[in-house]
Amino acid sequence: MTSLEEKYQKEIRKSLMKQFDIKNIMAVPNLEKIVVNAGIGNEYKNNSGVVEEMSEVIAQITGQKPVITYSKEAISNFKLREGMPNGIKVTLRGEMMWNFLNKLIHITLPRVKDFRGVSPNSFDPEGNYSLGIIEHTIFPEIDTSKLAKIRSLQVVIVTTTRDKEQSRQLLKDLGMPFRKTRKEIEEAKAEAKATAEK
C-alpha cells in the first residue's frame, strides 16, 4: 500500500463519511482508475515514428505499456483514414494508480514554472477530473536532452462517485493543489480580518 492510499484508508475516508453524512463505507468516494492519453492523429500523417516515440514516453511516465487507439471511421475534413493511429493511452489501477497520483501531486506539478494550482472546475457531470498537461517535460522521467518535440498529455482521474463536490473534496484531501476559488479567497480575507479585529 502506498503512503497516499494509506492516508486515504486511515484518514480521508472517515473525513468524507462525516462531511457528506455517508452511512455506508462502501459508498465513500474513492479512486477507480487514472487514464493518461495523448493524441497523435495530426502528427502521424507526417511522422509515423510518433507512435513508437509517444508509446515509450507514456511508458516511462506511468510505468505501464500503453495501447494505441485507432480511428473507427474516415473523416475527410481532418484527413483521417479508418484504422489510422490517432492516440495512445494507458489505464492505471491499484498500486500503479496510487503511485502515479502521488508522483503527480508531490513531484510533477510543483515542477511547472510559475505554478499557481490546477483548475477546480475541470470536472465532468460524472465527477471525473481532467487535467491537461501542456509540456510532458515536467515529468522527471523525461530526458530533455533526447527530446525531438515537447508534447501535451491529458490525465483523467476517474472516481467512484458521480457527485462533483464529493469528487473535488476527495482529490483536495489527497493533496491535489487546486487554485483557490473567488469564494475561498473572499472567505479567507474575511477570516483574516475577523482575526485581526479580535
N, C-alpha and C. Protein backbone atom coordinates (compact mmCIF):
# COMPACT_ATOMS: atom_id res chain seq x y z
N MET A 1 0.85 -1.20 0.00
CA MET A 1 0.00 0.00 0.00
C MET A 1 0.88 1.25 0.00
N THR A 2 0.61 2.18 -0.89
CA THR A 2 1.39 3.42 -0.95
C THR A 2 0.99 4.34 0.20
N SER A 3 1.83 5.33 0.46
CA SER A 3 1.56 6.26 1.57
C SER A 3 0.27 7.04 1.32
N LEU A 4 0.00 7.37 0.04
CA LEU A 4 -1.21 8.12 -0.27
C LEU A 4 -2.45 7.28 -0.07
N GLU A 5 -2.38 6.01 -0.47
CA GLU A 5 -3.52 5.11 -0.27
C GLU A 5 -3.75 4.86 1.22
N GLU A 6 -2.66 4.75 1.95
CA GLU A 6 -2.76 4.54 3.40
C GLU A 6 -3.43 5.74 4.07
N LYS A 7 -3.08 6.94 3.61
CA LYS A 7 -3.71 8.16 4.14
C LYS A 7 -5.21 8.15 3.85
N TYR A 8 -5.57 7.69 2.65
CA TYR A 8 -7.00 7.61 2.31
C TYR A 8 -7.71 6.63 3.25
N GLN A 9 -7.13 5.46 3.42
CA GLN A 9 -7.77 4.42 4.25
C GLN A 9 -7.91 4.84 5.70
N LYS A 10 -6.89 5.51 6.24
CA LYS A 10 -6.88 5.82 7.67
C LYS A 10 -7.52 7.16 8.04
N GLU A 11 -7.45 8.15 7.13
CA GLU A 11 -7.92 9.49 7.48
C GLU A 11 -9.04 10.01 6.57
N ILE A 12 -8.76 10.02 5.28
CA ILE A 12 -9.65 10.71 4.34
C ILE A 12 -11.03 10.07 4.27
N ARG A 13 -11.08 8.75 4.26
CA ARG A 13 -12.36 8.06 4.13
C ARG A 13 -13.30 8.42 5.29
N LYS A 14 -12.75 8.46 6.50
CA LYS A 14 -13.58 8.82 7.67
C LYS A 14 -14.05 10.26 7.57
N SER A 15 -13.15 11.13 7.13
CA SER A 15 -13.49 12.55 7.00
C SER A 15 -14.61 12.77 5.98
N LEU A 16 -14.54 12.05 4.86
CA LEU A 16 -15.57 12.18 3.82
C LEU A 16 -16.92 11.64 4.30
N MET A 17 -16.88 10.56 5.06
CA MET A 17 -18.13 9.99 5.61
C MET A 17 -18.83 11.01 6.50
N LYS A 18 -18.03 11.68 7.33
CA LYS A 18 -18.58 12.67 8.25
C LYS A 18 -19.07 13.91 7.51
N GLN A 19 -18.26 14.41 6.58
CA GLN A 19 -18.58 15.65 5.86
C GLN A 19 -19.84 15.53 5.01
N PHE A 20 -20.00 14.36 4.35
CA PHE A 20 -21.14 14.19 3.44
C PHE A 20 -22.24 13.29 4.02
N ASP A 21 -22.10 12.98 5.33
CA ASP A 21 -23.09 12.17 6.03
C ASP A 21 -23.35 10.85 5.29
N ILE A 22 -22.27 10.15 4.99
CA ILE A 22 -22.36 8.86 4.30
C ILE A 22 -22.35 7.75 5.35
N LYS A 23 -23.38 6.93 5.34
CA LYS A 23 -23.52 5.88 6.36
C LYS A 23 -22.79 4.59 5.97
N ASN A 24 -22.81 4.27 4.68
CA ASN A 24 -22.21 3.03 4.19
C ASN A 24 -20.78 3.28 3.72
N ILE A 25 -19.82 2.59 4.32
CA ILE A 25 -18.42 2.82 3.97
C ILE A 25 -18.13 2.50 2.50
N MET A 26 -18.92 1.61 1.91
CA MET A 26 -18.72 1.25 0.50
C MET A 26 -19.15 2.38 -0.44
N ALA A 27 -19.92 3.34 0.09
CA ALA A 27 -20.40 4.46 -0.73
C ALA A 27 -19.46 5.67 -0.67
N VAL A 28 -18.40 5.57 0.10
CA VAL A 28 -17.46 6.70 0.23
C VAL A 28 -16.68 6.85 -1.09
N PRO A 29 -16.54 8.07 -1.58
CA PRO A 29 -15.79 8.29 -2.82
C PRO A 29 -14.38 7.73 -2.75
N ASN A 30 -13.95 7.12 -3.84
CA ASN A 30 -12.62 6.53 -3.92
C ASN A 30 -12.11 6.68 -5.35
N LEU A 31 -10.84 6.44 -5.55
CA LEU A 31 -10.30 6.44 -6.91
C LEU A 31 -10.63 5.12 -7.59
N GLU A 32 -11.04 5.19 -8.85
CA GLU A 32 -11.33 3.98 -9.62
C GLU A 32 -10.20 3.67 -10.59
N LYS A 33 -9.76 4.68 -11.35
CA LYS A 33 -8.67 4.50 -12.29
C LYS A 33 -8.15 5.86 -12.74
N ILE A 34 -6.97 5.87 -13.33
CA ILE A 34 -6.41 7.08 -13.93
C ILE A 34 -6.02 6.73 -15.36
N VAL A 35 -6.49 7.54 -16.31
CA VAL A 35 -6.18 7.32 -17.72
C VAL A 35 -5.25 8.45 -18.19
N VAL A 36 -4.13 8.07 -18.76
CA VAL A 36 -3.18 9.04 -19.33
C VAL A 36 -3.20 8.84 -20.84
N ASN A 37 -3.48 9.89 -21.60
CA ASN A 37 -3.54 9.72 -23.05
C ASN A 37 -2.93 10.90 -23.79
N ALA A 38 -2.60 10.64 -25.04
CA ALA A 38 -2.03 11.66 -25.92
C ALA A 38 -2.59 11.46 -27.32
N GLY A 39 -2.99 12.55 -27.96
CA GLY A 39 -3.47 12.49 -29.34
C GLY A 39 -2.30 12.61 -30.31
N ILE A 40 -2.30 11.77 -31.35
CA ILE A 40 -1.19 11.80 -32.30
C ILE A 40 -1.68 11.87 -33.76
N GLY A 41 -2.99 11.93 -33.95
CA GLY A 41 -3.57 11.87 -35.30
C GLY A 41 -2.97 12.86 -36.28
N ASN A 42 -2.88 14.11 -35.90
CA ASN A 42 -2.37 15.13 -36.80
C ASN A 42 -0.91 14.89 -37.17
N GLU A 43 -0.11 14.52 -36.19
CA GLU A 43 1.31 14.36 -36.44
C GLU A 43 1.62 13.07 -37.20
N TYR A 44 0.81 12.05 -37.00
CA TYR A 44 1.08 10.75 -37.64
C TYR A 44 1.11 10.86 -39.16
N LYS A 45 0.34 11.80 -39.71
CA LYS A 45 0.28 11.96 -41.17
C LYS A 45 1.66 12.28 -41.76
N ASN A 46 2.48 12.98 -40.98
CA ASN A 46 3.82 13.37 -41.47
C ASN A 46 4.96 12.66 -40.76
N ASN A 47 4.62 11.95 -39.66
CA ASN A 47 5.68 11.32 -38.87
C ASN A 47 5.14 10.03 -38.25
N SER A 48 5.28 8.93 -38.95
CA SER A 48 4.76 7.65 -38.45
C SER A 48 5.52 7.17 -37.21
N GLY A 49 6.73 7.70 -36.99
CA GLY A 49 7.53 7.30 -35.83
C GLY A 49 7.00 7.84 -34.52
N VAL A 50 6.00 8.74 -34.59
CA VAL A 50 5.46 9.32 -33.37
C VAL A 50 4.77 8.28 -32.50
N VAL A 51 4.27 7.21 -33.11
CA VAL A 51 3.60 6.16 -32.35
C VAL A 51 4.57 5.50 -31.38
N GLU A 52 5.70 5.06 -31.90
CA GLU A 52 6.71 4.42 -31.06
C GLU A 52 7.28 5.40 -30.03
N GLU A 53 7.52 6.63 -30.48
CA GLU A 53 8.10 7.64 -29.59
C GLU A 53 7.18 7.94 -28.41
N MET A 54 5.89 8.19 -28.69
CA MET A 54 4.97 8.53 -27.61
C MET A 54 4.62 7.33 -26.74
N SER A 55 4.64 6.14 -27.32
CA SER A 55 4.41 4.93 -26.53
C SER A 55 5.51 4.79 -25.48
N GLU A 56 6.74 5.08 -25.89
CA GLU A 56 7.88 4.99 -24.97
C GLU A 56 7.78 6.07 -23.90
N VAL A 57 7.38 7.28 -24.30
CA VAL A 57 7.24 8.39 -23.35
C VAL A 57 6.20 8.06 -22.27
N ILE A 58 5.03 7.60 -22.69
CA ILE A 58 3.96 7.31 -21.73
C ILE A 58 4.33 6.13 -20.85
N ALA A 59 5.04 5.15 -21.40
CA ALA A 59 5.51 4.01 -20.60
C ALA A 59 6.49 4.49 -19.52
N GLN A 60 7.38 5.42 -19.88
CA GLN A 60 8.33 5.97 -18.91
C GLN A 60 7.60 6.72 -17.80
N ILE A 61 6.61 7.49 -18.17
CA ILE A 61 5.89 8.33 -17.22
C ILE A 61 5.05 7.51 -16.25
N THR A 62 4.39 6.47 -16.79
CA THR A 62 3.42 5.72 -15.98
C THR A 62 3.94 4.39 -15.44
N GLY A 63 4.99 3.87 -16.08
CA GLY A 63 5.49 2.56 -15.66
C GLY A 63 4.69 1.41 -16.24
N GLN A 64 3.83 1.71 -17.21
CA GLN A 64 2.98 0.67 -17.80
C GLN A 64 2.92 0.86 -19.31
N LYS A 65 2.93 -0.25 -20.05
CA LYS A 65 2.90 -0.18 -21.51
C LYS A 65 1.54 0.32 -21.99
N PRO A 66 1.51 1.36 -22.82
CA PRO A 66 0.23 1.91 -23.30
C PRO A 66 -0.34 1.13 -24.47
N VAL A 67 -1.58 1.43 -24.82
CA VAL A 67 -2.20 0.84 -26.00
C VAL A 67 -2.41 1.94 -27.04
N ILE A 68 -2.42 1.55 -28.29
CA ILE A 68 -2.64 2.50 -29.39
C ILE A 68 -4.11 2.47 -29.76
N THR A 69 -4.72 3.63 -29.90
CA THR A 69 -6.12 3.69 -30.33
C THR A 69 -6.15 4.07 -31.82
N TYR A 70 -7.12 3.51 -32.52
CA TYR A 70 -7.23 3.73 -33.97
C TYR A 70 -8.57 4.37 -34.31
N SER A 71 -8.58 5.16 -35.37
CA SER A 71 -9.82 5.80 -35.80
C SER A 71 -10.79 4.73 -36.32
N LYS A 72 -12.06 4.87 -35.93
CA LYS A 72 -13.06 3.88 -36.32
C LYS A 72 -13.71 4.20 -37.66
N GLU A 73 -13.56 5.44 -38.08
CA GLU A 73 -14.12 5.81 -39.37
C GLU A 73 -13.28 6.91 -40.00
N ALA A 74 -13.42 7.07 -41.30
CA ALA A 74 -12.67 8.10 -42.03
C ALA A 74 -13.40 9.44 -41.94
N ILE A 75 -12.62 10.50 -41.68
CA ILE A 75 -13.18 11.86 -41.66
C ILE A 75 -12.34 12.71 -42.60
N SER A 76 -12.89 12.99 -43.77
CA SER A 76 -12.10 13.66 -44.81
C SER A 76 -11.66 15.07 -44.41
N ASN A 77 -12.50 15.78 -43.66
CA ASN A 77 -12.14 17.14 -43.25
C ASN A 77 -10.87 17.17 -42.41
N PHE A 78 -10.62 16.10 -41.67
CA PHE A 78 -9.44 16.02 -40.81
C PHE A 78 -8.35 15.14 -41.44
N LYS A 79 -8.59 14.73 -42.69
CA LYS A 79 -7.64 13.86 -43.40
C LYS A 79 -7.35 12.60 -42.57
N LEU A 80 -8.42 12.07 -41.97
CA LEU A 80 -8.30 10.91 -41.10
C LEU A 80 -8.85 9.69 -41.82
N ARG A 81 -8.01 8.66 -41.94
CA ARG A 81 -8.45 7.42 -42.58
C ARG A 81 -8.86 6.40 -41.53
N GLU A 82 -9.78 5.54 -41.91
CA GLU A 82 -10.22 4.48 -40.99
C GLU A 82 -9.03 3.57 -40.66
N GLY A 83 -8.89 3.25 -39.37
CA GLY A 83 -7.80 2.37 -38.94
C GLY A 83 -6.47 3.06 -38.72
N MET A 84 -6.45 4.38 -38.84
CA MET A 84 -5.21 5.12 -38.66
C MET A 84 -4.98 5.39 -37.16
N PRO A 85 -3.75 5.25 -36.65
CA PRO A 85 -3.49 5.55 -35.24
C PRO A 85 -3.82 7.00 -34.93
N ASN A 86 -4.62 7.23 -33.89
CA ASN A 86 -4.95 8.62 -33.55
C ASN A 86 -4.72 8.95 -32.08
N GLY A 87 -4.25 7.98 -31.30
CA GLY A 87 -4.00 8.26 -29.90
C GLY A 87 -3.27 7.12 -29.20
N ILE A 88 -2.73 7.44 -28.06
CA ILE A 88 -2.04 6.44 -27.22
C ILE A 88 -2.53 6.66 -25.79
N LYS A 89 -2.89 5.58 -25.12
CA LYS A 89 -3.38 5.75 -23.76
C LYS A 89 -2.98 4.59 -22.87
N VAL A 90 -2.99 4.86 -21.59
CA VAL A 90 -2.72 3.82 -20.60
C VAL A 90 -3.72 4.01 -19.47
N THR A 91 -4.23 2.90 -18.94
CA THR A 91 -5.18 2.94 -17.83
C THR A 91 -4.53 2.35 -16.60
N LEU A 92 -4.42 3.15 -15.55
CA LEU A 92 -3.75 2.72 -14.32
C LEU A 92 -4.78 2.39 -13.24
N ARG A 93 -4.57 1.29 -12.57
CA ARG A 93 -5.44 0.89 -11.46
C ARG A 93 -4.57 0.41 -10.30
N GLY A 94 -5.18 0.27 -9.14
CA GLY A 94 -4.48 -0.29 -7.99
C GLY A 94 -3.24 0.49 -7.59
N GLU A 95 -2.18 -0.23 -7.26
CA GLU A 95 -0.95 0.41 -6.76
C GLU A 95 -0.32 1.34 -7.78
N MET A 96 -0.38 0.96 -9.07
CA MET A 96 0.19 1.81 -10.13
C MET A 96 -0.53 3.16 -10.17
N MET A 97 -1.84 3.13 -9.97
CA MET A 97 -2.65 4.36 -9.97
C MET A 97 -2.27 5.25 -8.80
N TRP A 98 -2.16 4.67 -7.61
CA TRP A 98 -1.83 5.45 -6.41
C TRP A 98 -0.41 6.02 -6.52
N ASN A 99 0.52 5.23 -7.04
CA ASN A 99 1.90 5.71 -7.21
C ASN A 99 1.96 6.88 -8.17
N PHE A 100 1.22 6.77 -9.30
CA PHE A 100 1.23 7.84 -10.29
C PHE A 100 0.64 9.12 -9.71
N LEU A 101 -0.50 9.01 -8.99
CA LEU A 101 -1.13 10.20 -8.43
C LEU A 101 -0.23 10.85 -7.39
N ASN A 102 0.42 10.05 -6.58
CA ASN A 102 1.33 10.59 -5.57
C ASN A 102 2.46 11.37 -6.23
N LYS A 103 3.02 10.81 -7.30
CA LYS A 103 4.09 11.48 -8.04
C LYS A 103 3.58 12.75 -8.72
N LEU A 104 2.39 12.68 -9.29
CA LEU A 104 1.80 13.83 -9.97
C LEU A 104 1.63 15.01 -9.02
N ILE A 105 1.09 14.72 -7.83
CA ILE A 105 0.78 15.77 -6.86
C ILE A 105 2.03 16.35 -6.20
N HIS A 106 2.94 15.49 -5.81
CA HIS A 106 4.06 15.93 -4.97
C HIS A 106 5.37 16.21 -5.72
N ILE A 107 5.49 15.69 -6.95
CA ILE A 107 6.75 15.88 -7.67
C ILE A 107 6.54 16.60 -9.00
N THR A 108 5.60 16.09 -9.80
CA THR A 108 5.44 16.60 -11.17
C THR A 108 4.86 18.00 -11.24
N LEU A 109 3.69 18.22 -10.64
CA LEU A 109 3.03 19.53 -10.75
C LEU A 109 3.87 20.66 -10.14
N PRO A 110 4.55 20.44 -9.02
CA PRO A 110 5.40 21.52 -8.49
C PRO A 110 6.54 21.92 -9.41
N ARG A 111 6.84 21.11 -10.43
CA ARG A 111 7.91 21.45 -11.38
C ARG A 111 7.45 22.42 -12.46
N VAL A 112 6.13 22.67 -12.52
CA VAL A 112 5.59 23.59 -13.52
C VAL A 112 6.03 25.01 -13.18
N LYS A 113 6.54 25.72 -14.17
CA LYS A 113 7.02 27.08 -13.94
C LYS A 113 5.86 28.00 -13.56
N ASP A 114 6.08 28.83 -12.53
CA ASP A 114 5.06 29.77 -12.03
C ASP A 114 3.75 29.06 -11.71
N PHE A 115 3.85 27.89 -11.09
CA PHE A 115 2.65 27.09 -10.79
C PHE A 115 1.79 27.76 -9.73
N ARG A 116 0.50 27.91 -10.04
CA ARG A 116 -0.43 28.53 -9.10
C ARG A 116 -1.60 27.61 -8.76
N GLY A 117 -1.46 26.35 -9.10
CA GLY A 117 -2.52 25.40 -8.82
C GLY A 117 -3.27 25.00 -10.07
N VAL A 118 -4.02 23.90 -9.97
CA VAL A 118 -4.80 23.40 -11.11
C VAL A 118 -6.24 23.89 -10.97
N SER A 119 -6.95 23.90 -12.09
CA SER A 119 -8.33 24.40 -12.09
C SER A 119 -9.24 23.51 -11.24
N PRO A 120 -10.06 24.13 -10.38
CA PRO A 120 -11.01 23.34 -9.58
C PRO A 120 -12.30 23.06 -10.34
N ASN A 121 -12.38 23.50 -11.59
CA ASN A 121 -13.64 23.40 -12.34
C ASN A 121 -13.61 22.37 -13.46
N SER A 122 -12.54 21.58 -13.56
CA SER A 122 -12.41 20.65 -14.70
C SER A 122 -13.02 19.28 -14.42
N PHE A 123 -14.18 19.29 -13.77
CA PHE A 123 -14.90 18.04 -13.50
C PHE A 123 -16.03 17.90 -14.51
N ASP A 124 -16.24 16.68 -15.00
CA ASP A 124 -17.38 16.46 -15.88
C ASP A 124 -18.61 16.13 -15.01
N PRO A 125 -19.80 16.02 -15.59
CA PRO A 125 -21.00 15.75 -14.80
C PRO A 125 -20.96 14.43 -14.02
N GLU A 126 -20.05 13.53 -14.44
CA GLU A 126 -19.94 12.23 -13.77
C GLU A 126 -18.96 12.26 -12.59
N GLY A 127 -18.35 13.42 -12.33
CA GLY A 127 -17.43 13.52 -11.20
C GLY A 127 -15.99 13.17 -11.53
N ASN A 128 -15.67 13.02 -12.82
CA ASN A 128 -14.30 12.70 -13.22
C ASN A 128 -13.52 14.00 -13.48
N TYR A 129 -12.24 13.99 -13.12
CA TYR A 129 -11.42 15.20 -13.24
C TYR A 129 -10.43 15.06 -14.40
N SER A 130 -10.40 16.05 -15.29
CA SER A 130 -9.48 16.05 -16.43
C SER A 130 -8.42 17.14 -16.26
N LEU A 131 -7.18 16.74 -16.41
CA LEU A 131 -6.06 17.67 -16.25
C LEU A 131 -5.23 17.66 -17.52
N GLY A 132 -5.14 18.81 -18.18
CA GLY A 132 -4.32 18.93 -19.37
C GLY A 132 -2.90 19.33 -19.01
N ILE A 133 -1.93 18.62 -19.54
CA ILE A 133 -0.52 18.93 -19.31
C ILE A 133 0.08 19.38 -20.63
N ILE A 134 0.46 20.64 -20.70
CA ILE A 134 0.92 21.23 -21.95
C ILE A 134 2.31 20.72 -22.34
N GLU A 135 3.19 20.57 -21.34
CA GLU A 135 4.56 20.11 -21.62
C GLU A 135 4.86 18.85 -20.83
N HIS A 136 5.06 17.75 -21.53
CA HIS A 136 5.30 16.48 -20.83
C HIS A 136 6.68 16.44 -20.17
N THR A 137 7.48 17.47 -20.41
CA THR A 137 8.82 17.52 -19.80
C THR A 137 8.78 17.78 -18.30
N ILE A 138 7.59 18.09 -17.75
CA ILE A 138 7.52 18.30 -16.31
C ILE A 138 7.66 16.98 -15.55
N PHE A 139 7.49 15.85 -16.25
CA PHE A 139 7.69 14.56 -15.59
C PHE A 139 9.18 14.28 -15.46
N PRO A 140 9.64 13.93 -14.27
CA PRO A 140 11.09 13.77 -14.03
C PRO A 140 11.73 12.64 -14.84
N GLU A 141 10.94 11.69 -15.35
CA GLU A 141 11.50 10.57 -16.11
C GLU A 141 11.96 10.98 -17.51
N ILE A 142 11.50 12.12 -18.00
CA ILE A 142 11.79 12.53 -19.37
C ILE A 142 13.18 13.16 -19.46
N ASP A 143 14.00 12.60 -20.35
CA ASP A 143 15.34 13.13 -20.60
C ASP A 143 15.22 14.21 -21.68
N THR A 144 15.25 15.46 -21.28
CA THR A 144 15.04 16.56 -22.23
C THR A 144 16.14 16.66 -23.29
N SER A 145 17.32 16.09 -23.01
CA SER A 145 18.42 16.17 -23.99
C SER A 145 18.16 15.29 -25.21
N LYS A 146 17.22 14.35 -25.08
CA LYS A 146 16.93 13.43 -26.19
C LYS A 146 15.59 13.74 -26.86
N LEU A 147 14.98 14.85 -26.49
CA LEU A 147 13.65 15.17 -27.00
C LEU A 147 13.68 15.67 -28.43
N ALA A 148 12.72 15.17 -29.22
CA ALA A 148 12.54 15.69 -30.57
C ALA A 148 11.51 16.81 -30.56
N LYS A 149 10.58 16.72 -29.61
CA LYS A 149 9.48 17.68 -29.57
C LYS A 149 8.81 17.64 -28.20
N ILE A 150 8.37 18.79 -27.73
CA ILE A 150 7.60 18.84 -26.48
C ILE A 150 6.14 18.55 -26.81
N ARG A 151 5.52 17.67 -26.06
CA ARG A 151 4.16 17.24 -26.37
C ARG A 151 3.21 17.45 -25.19
N SER A 152 1.94 17.41 -25.50
CA SER A 152 0.93 17.59 -24.45
C SER A 152 0.26 16.26 -24.14
N LEU A 153 -0.24 16.15 -22.92
CA LEU A 153 -0.90 14.93 -22.46
C LEU A 153 -2.18 15.31 -21.74
N GLN A 154 -3.05 14.34 -21.56
CA GLN A 154 -4.23 14.54 -20.73
C GLN A 154 -4.28 13.45 -19.67
N VAL A 155 -4.57 13.85 -18.46
CA VAL A 155 -4.72 12.91 -17.35
C VAL A 155 -6.17 12.98 -16.88
N VAL A 156 -6.85 11.84 -16.88
CA VAL A 156 -8.24 11.79 -16.43
C VAL A 156 -8.31 10.93 -15.18
N ILE A 157 -8.77 11.53 -14.08
CA ILE A 157 -8.89 10.81 -12.81
C ILE A 157 -10.36 10.43 -12.63
N VAL A 158 -10.62 9.14 -12.65
CA VAL A 158 -11.99 8.62 -12.54
C VAL A 158 -12.24 8.17 -11.11
N THR A 159 -13.31 8.68 -10.51
CA THR A 159 -13.65 8.33 -9.13
C THR A 159 -14.91 7.46 -9.11
N THR A 160 -15.19 6.90 -7.96
CA THR A 160 -16.36 6.01 -7.83
C THR A 160 -17.65 6.79 -7.59
N THR A 161 -17.54 8.09 -7.34
CA THR A 161 -18.74 8.88 -7.09
C THR A 161 -19.17 9.60 -8.37
N ARG A 162 -20.45 9.92 -8.45
CA ARG A 162 -20.96 10.70 -9.58
C ARG A 162 -21.35 12.10 -9.11
N ASP A 163 -20.83 12.48 -7.94
CA ASP A 163 -21.11 13.78 -7.35
C ASP A 163 -19.84 14.64 -7.46
N LYS A 164 -19.93 15.76 -8.17
CA LYS A 164 -18.74 16.60 -8.40
C LYS A 164 -18.14 17.14 -7.11
N GLU A 165 -19.00 17.52 -6.17
CA GLU A 165 -18.50 18.09 -4.91
C GLU A 165 -17.74 17.05 -4.10
N GLN A 166 -18.28 15.84 -4.06
CA GLN A 166 -17.60 14.77 -3.33
C GLN A 166 -16.28 14.41 -4.00
N SER A 167 -16.29 14.38 -5.32
CA SER A 167 -15.07 14.06 -6.08
C SER A 167 -14.01 15.14 -5.86
N ARG A 168 -14.43 16.40 -5.88
CA ARG A 168 -13.50 17.51 -5.67
C ARG A 168 -12.89 17.44 -4.26
N GLN A 169 -13.72 17.14 -3.28
CA GLN A 169 -13.23 17.06 -1.90
C GLN A 169 -12.26 15.89 -1.73
N LEU A 170 -12.56 14.77 -2.38
CA LEU A 170 -11.66 13.61 -2.33
C LEU A 170 -10.28 13.98 -2.85
N LEU A 171 -10.24 14.61 -4.03
CA LEU A 171 -8.94 14.97 -4.62
C LEU A 171 -8.24 16.05 -3.79
N LYS A 172 -9.02 16.97 -3.26
CA LYS A 172 -8.44 18.02 -2.41
C LYS A 172 -7.79 17.41 -1.17
N ASP A 173 -8.49 16.46 -0.54
CA ASP A 173 -7.95 15.79 0.65
C ASP A 173 -6.71 14.96 0.33
N LEU A 174 -6.66 14.44 -0.90
CA LEU A 174 -5.49 13.65 -1.31
C LEU A 174 -4.29 14.54 -1.63
N GLY A 175 -4.52 15.86 -1.70
CA GLY A 175 -3.42 16.79 -1.90
C GLY A 175 -3.40 17.47 -3.25
N MET A 176 -4.43 17.26 -4.07
CA MET A 176 -4.44 17.93 -5.38
C MET A 176 -4.41 19.44 -5.18
N PRO A 177 -3.42 20.12 -5.75
CA PRO A 177 -3.25 21.56 -5.48
C PRO A 177 -4.18 22.44 -6.33
N PHE A 178 -5.45 22.47 -5.97
CA PHE A 178 -6.41 23.29 -6.69
C PHE A 178 -6.15 24.77 -6.44
N ARG A 179 -6.38 25.58 -7.49
CA ARG A 179 -6.36 27.03 -7.29
C ARG A 179 -7.54 27.41 -6.41
N LYS A 180 -7.35 28.42 -5.59
CA LYS A 180 -8.45 28.88 -4.74
C LYS A 180 -9.51 29.57 -5.59
N THR A 181 -10.76 29.28 -5.28
CA THR A 181 -11.86 29.94 -5.98
C THR A 181 -12.04 31.35 -5.41
N ARG A 182 -12.77 32.17 -6.12
CA ARG A 182 -13.02 33.54 -5.66
C ARG A 182 -13.70 33.52 -4.28
N LYS A 183 -14.63 32.58 -4.12
CA LYS A 183 -15.34 32.46 -2.84
C LYS A 183 -14.38 32.12 -1.72
N GLU A 184 -13.46 31.18 -1.97
CA GLU A 184 -12.49 30.79 -0.94
C GLU A 184 -11.56 31.95 -0.59
N ILE A 185 -11.17 32.74 -1.59
CA ILE A 185 -10.30 33.90 -1.35
C ILE A 185 -11.02 34.92 -0.47
N GLU A 186 -12.29 35.18 -0.80
CA GLU A 186 -13.08 36.14 -0.03
C GLU A 186 -13.27 35.66 1.41
N GLU A 187 -13.53 34.36 1.57
CA GLU A 187 -13.73 33.79 2.91
C GLU A 187 -12.44 33.89 3.72
N ALA A 188 -11.30 33.65 3.08
CA ALA A 188 -10.01 33.74 3.76
C ALA A 188 -9.72 35.17 4.20
N LYS A 189 -10.06 36.14 3.35
CA LYS A 189 -9.87 37.55 3.69
C LYS A 189 -10.75 37.94 4.87
N ALA A 190 -12.00 37.49 4.84
CA ALA A 190 -12.94 37.81 5.92
C ALA A 190 -12.48 37.19 7.24
N GLU A 191 -11.96 35.98 7.16
CA GLU A 191 -11.48 35.30 8.36
C GLU A 191 -10.25 36.01 8.94
N ALA A 192 -9.35 36.43 8.03
CA ALA A 192 -8.15 37.14 8.46
C ALA A 192 -8.51 38.47 9.11
N LYS A 193 -9.49 39.14 8.53
CA LYS A 193 -9.93 40.43 9.06
C LYS A 193 -10.56 40.26 10.43
N ALA A 194 -11.39 39.22 10.57
CA ALA A 194 -12.04 38.94 11.86
C ALA A 194 -11.02 38.60 12.94
N THR A 195 -9.99 37.88 12.54
CA THR A 195 -8.93 37.50 13.49
C THR A 195 -8.14 38.73 13.93
N ALA A 196 -7.88 39.63 13.00
CA ALA A 196 -7.11 40.85 13.30
C ALA A 196 -7.88 41.79 14.22
N GLU A 197 -9.21 41.77 14.12
CA GLU A 197 -10.03 42.67 14.92
C GLU A 197 -10.25 42.18 16.35
N LYS A 198 -9.91 40.91 16.61
CA LYS A 198 -10.12 40.36 17.96
C LYS A 198 -9.10 40.92 18.95
